[in-house]
Amino acid sequence: MDLQLDPARTAVLSMDMQNGIVAAYAGANPDLISRAAEVLERGRALGMMIIHVQVGFRPGLPEISPRNPLFSAIRNSERHQQLFQGSGGAIHSALGPEPNDIVVTKHRVGAFTGTDLEMILRAHDADTLVLFGIATSGVVLSTLLAASDSDYRLIVLRDCCTDQDPEVHACLLDRIFPRRASVITAAEFLAALP
């Protein structure tokens, strides 16, 4: 497979790979972190922009509207809030962030809504995004749709994504995402790099 990537114009987005989220979602996918770490390490070595997208809220959760059913569940549950606070909210240590990595904090499902991600990508003249994260039906789907509408070339690393619903996960990766992105494994991605 020849991806013909320009590393200087490629950004790898590692999304919602925070300790609490990894613990809640990745139990059935024990090699997820090691695969993702290998992708990030190789991307850094080639000069790709590495961006960690994390969920985070200010004290008191002022970003959460009572009209938002998904995020209201966080507001109403101290247990859910702990996923995004302290060590639970930290990016998994095997993934970074390294000194030259960029961290974007979001308050919604997708990586673009309400963040400076688009500005960072434009500032670096990025035209290709490599996406992976937790959950496939959450941040990966939402970010892919927004990025596709913004005309980015997209690659989704299927075995660096996971979801609590295996059927939805498979449907997205096999039927929905390929309409907008190249959907490949981490090994295929790594093998295609220079």
Protein backbone atom coordinates (compact mmCIF):
# COMPACT_ATOMS: atom_id res chain seq x y z
CA MET A 1 0.00 0.00 0.00
CA ASP A 2 1.45 3.36 -1.01
CA LEU A 3 -0.11 6.18 1.00
CA GLN A 4 2.21 8.82 -0.50
CA LEU A 5 2.13 10.96 2.62
CA ASP A 6 4.00 14.18 3.08
CA PRO A 7 4.97 13.91 6.76
CA ALA A 8 5.31 17.70 7.06
CA ARG A 9 1.64 18.08 6.06
CA THR A 10 0.31 15.11 8.06
CA ALA A 11 -1.14 15.29 11.56
CA VAL A 12 -1.80 12.24 13.74
CA LEU A 13 -4.74 12.79 16.08
CA SER A 14 -4.74 10.57 19.16
CA MET A 15 -8.20 11.23 20.58
CA ASP A 16 -9.58 10.70 24.09
CA MET A 17 -6.80 8.29 24.97
CA GLN A 18 -7.01 9.29 28.63
CA ASN A 19 -6.45 6.83 31.47
CA GLY A 20 -10.06 6.76 32.67
CA ILE A 21 -11.47 6.35 29.17
CA VAL A 22 -8.91 3.69 28.22
CA ALA A 23 -9.77 1.74 31.40
CA ALA A 24 -13.50 1.95 30.67
CA TYR A 25 -13.37 1.05 26.97
CA ALA A 26 -10.23 -0.85 26.01
CA GLY A 27 -10.53 -4.01 28.11
CA ALA A 28 -11.42 -6.14 25.09
CA ASN A 29 -8.59 -4.60 23.06
CA PRO A 30 -5.42 -5.09 25.18
CA ASP A 31 -2.96 -4.23 22.39
CA LEU A 32 -4.63 -0.93 21.54
CA ILE A 33 -2.17 1.21 23.51
CA SER A 34 0.97 -0.51 22.21
CA ARG A 35 -0.21 -0.17 18.58
CA ALA A 36 -1.11 3.48 19.11
CA ALA A 37 2.24 4.16 20.81
CA GLU A 38 4.10 2.66 17.85
CA VAL A 39 2.18 4.85 15.40
CA LEU A 40 2.92 7.99 17.43
CA GLU A 41 6.60 7.11 17.82
CA ARG A 42 7.02 6.57 14.08
CA GLY A 43 5.03 9.70 13.26
CA ARG A 44 7.27 11.78 15.51
CA ALA A 45 10.39 10.28 13.94
CA LEU A 46 9.14 11.27 10.47
CA GLY A 47 8.23 14.81 11.52
CA MET A 48 4.46 14.42 11.54
CA MET A 49 2.51 16.72 13.83
CA ILE A 50 1.26 14.71 16.82
CA ILE A 51 -1.91 16.06 18.42
CA HIS A 52 -3.48 14.63 21.55
CA VAL A 53 -7.15 15.54 21.84
CA GLN A 54 -8.46 15.23 25.38
CA VAL A 55 -11.78 15.84 27.09
CA GLY A 56 -11.64 18.36 29.91
CA PHE A 57 -13.82 20.75 31.86
CA ARG A 58 -13.32 23.71 34.16
CA PRO A 59 -14.28 23.42 37.85
CA GLY A 60 -18.05 23.49 38.11
CA LEU A 61 -18.41 22.20 34.50
CA PRO A 62 -19.64 25.51 32.99
CA GLU A 63 -19.21 24.06 29.48
CA ILE A 64 -22.04 21.57 30.01
CA SER A 65 -25.56 22.62 29.12
CA PRO A 66 -28.51 20.87 30.76
CA ARG A 67 -29.91 20.56 27.22
CA ASN A 68 -27.07 18.25 26.19
CA PRO A 69 -28.14 14.74 27.26
CA LEU A 70 -24.73 13.11 26.76
CA PHE A 71 -22.72 15.65 28.71
CA SER A 72 -25.43 16.21 31.32
CA ALA A 73 -24.78 12.62 32.36
CA ILE A 74 -21.24 13.73 33.22
CA ARG A 75 -22.51 16.74 35.14
CA ASN A 76 -24.86 14.53 37.15
CA SER A 77 -22.37 11.76 37.97
CA GLU A 78 -19.31 12.23 40.13
CA ARG A 79 -18.05 8.85 38.87
CA HIS A 80 -18.20 10.05 35.25
CA GLN A 81 -16.47 13.31 36.17
CA GLN A 82 -13.53 11.34 37.56
CA LEU A 83 -12.84 10.02 34.06
CA PHE A 84 -11.71 13.54 33.13
CA GLN A 85 -10.01 14.69 36.34
CA GLY A 86 -6.58 14.07 37.89
CA SER A 87 -4.86 10.88 36.84
CA GLY A 88 -8.05 9.59 35.17
CA GLY A 89 -8.07 12.57 32.83
CA ALA A 90 -4.37 12.35 31.97
CA ILE A 91 -3.29 11.10 28.55
CA HIS A 92 -2.07 7.52 28.83
CA SER A 93 1.63 7.71 29.66
CA ALA A 94 2.63 5.27 26.90
CA LEU A 95 1.32 7.76 24.33
CA GLY A 96 2.71 11.06 25.56
CA PRO A 97 2.55 13.87 25.35
CA GLU A 98 6.15 14.33 24.28
CA PRO A 99 7.65 17.86 24.40
CA ASN A 100 6.83 18.71 20.76
CA ASP A 101 3.36 17.17 20.79
CA ILE A 102 0.32 19.43 20.84
CA VAL A 103 -2.54 18.93 23.31
CA VAL A 104 -6.02 20.18 22.45
CA THR A 105 -8.70 20.15 25.14
CA LYS A 106 -12.28 19.76 23.96
CA HIS A 107 -15.61 20.08 25.74
CA ARG A 108 -17.74 18.23 23.20
CA VAL A 109 -17.64 14.90 21.36
CA GLY A 110 -15.76 16.05 18.26
CA ALA A 111 -12.22 17.43 18.22
CA PHE A 112 -13.14 20.55 16.20
CA THR A 113 -16.15 21.98 18.05
CA GLY A 114 -15.08 24.85 20.29
CA THR A 115 -11.33 24.16 20.01
CA ASP A 116 -8.40 25.74 18.19
CA LEU A 117 -7.63 22.50 16.30
CA GLU A 118 -8.54 23.94 12.88
CA MET A 119 -6.28 26.95 13.45
CA ILE A 120 -3.36 24.70 14.45
CA LEU A 121 -3.83 22.50 11.38
CA ARG A 122 -4.02 25.53 9.07
CA ALA A 123 -0.94 27.09 10.69
CA HIS A 124 1.01 23.92 9.85
CA ASP A 125 -0.56 23.59 6.38
CA ALA A 126 -1.78 20.08 7.24
CA ASP A 127 -3.85 18.40 4.55
CA THR A 128 -3.86 14.81 5.84
CA LEU A 129 -5.19 13.58 9.19
CA VAL A 130 -4.55 10.17 10.70
CA LEU A 131 -7.30 9.48 13.22
CA PHE A 132 -7.69 7.02 16.07
CA GLY A 133 -9.21 6.99 19.51
CA ILE A 134 -11.98 6.09 21.90
CA ALA A 135 -14.77 5.74 21.05
CA THR A 136 -15.29 4.88 17.41
CA SER A 137 -18.93 6.01 17.62
CA GLY A 138 -17.97 9.16 19.52
CA VAL A 139 -14.86 11.26 18.91
CA VAL A 140 -13.69 9.31 15.87
CA LEU A 141 -17.02 9.56 14.05
CA SER A 142 -17.64 13.19 14.95
CA THR A 143 -14.11 14.31 14.08
CA LEU A 144 -14.08 12.34 10.83
CA LEU A 145 -17.33 13.95 9.65
CA ALA A 146 -16.13 17.48 10.44
CA ALA A 147 -12.72 16.87 8.87
CA SER A 148 -14.27 15.35 5.77
CA ASP A 149 -16.50 18.41 5.35
CA SER A 150 -13.34 20.54 5.61
CA ASP A 151 -11.70 18.56 2.77
CA TYR A 152 -8.92 16.88 4.74
CA ARG A 153 -7.50 13.64 3.38
CA LEU A 154 -8.36 11.10 6.10
CA ILE A 155 -6.89 7.85 7.34
CA VAL A 156 -8.52 5.92 10.19
CA LEU A 157 -6.47 3.31 12.02
CA ARG A 158 -9.10 0.67 12.63
CA ASP A 159 -7.25 -1.34 15.28
CA CYS A 160 -6.37 1.79 17.27
CA CYS A 161 -10.08 2.53 17.74
CA THR A 162 -12.52 0.82 20.08
CA ASP A 163 -16.11 1.14 21.18
CA GLN A 164 -18.37 -0.44 23.78
CA ASP A 165 -20.72 -1.61 21.02
CA PRO A 166 -18.86 -4.05 18.70
CA GLU A 167 -21.63 -3.98 16.07
CA VAL A 168 -21.61 -0.19 15.80
CA HIS A 169 -17.80 -0.23 15.77
CA ALA A 170 -17.74 -2.72 12.88
CA CYS A 171 -20.47 -0.91 10.93
CA LEU A 172 -18.64 2.42 11.16
CA LEU A 173 -15.26 0.99 10.18
CA ASP A 174 -16.55 -1.28 7.42
CA ARG A 175 -19.45 0.67 5.92
CA ILE A 176 -19.53 4.34 6.95
CA PHE A 177 -15.93 5.50 7.32
CA PRO A 178 -14.64 4.09 3.98
CA ARG A 179 -16.89 6.56 2.15
CA ARG A 180 -14.78 9.39 3.56
CA ALA A 181 -11.45 7.89 4.60
CA SER A 182 -8.90 5.15 4.04
CA VAL A 183 -9.54 2.64 6.83
CA ILE A 184 -6.43 0.57 7.52
CA THR A 185 -4.64 -1.17 10.36
CA ALA A 186 -1.76 0.33 12.29
CA ALA A 187 0.56 -2.27 10.73
CA GLU A 188 -0.57 -1.31 7.22
CA PHE A 189 -0.02 2.35 8.03
CA LEU A 190 3.46 1.74 9.42
CA ALA A 191 4.43 -0.50 6.51
CA ALA A 192 3.40 2.18 4.01
CA LEU A 193 5.56 4.90 5.57
CA PRO A 194 8.96 5.79 4.09
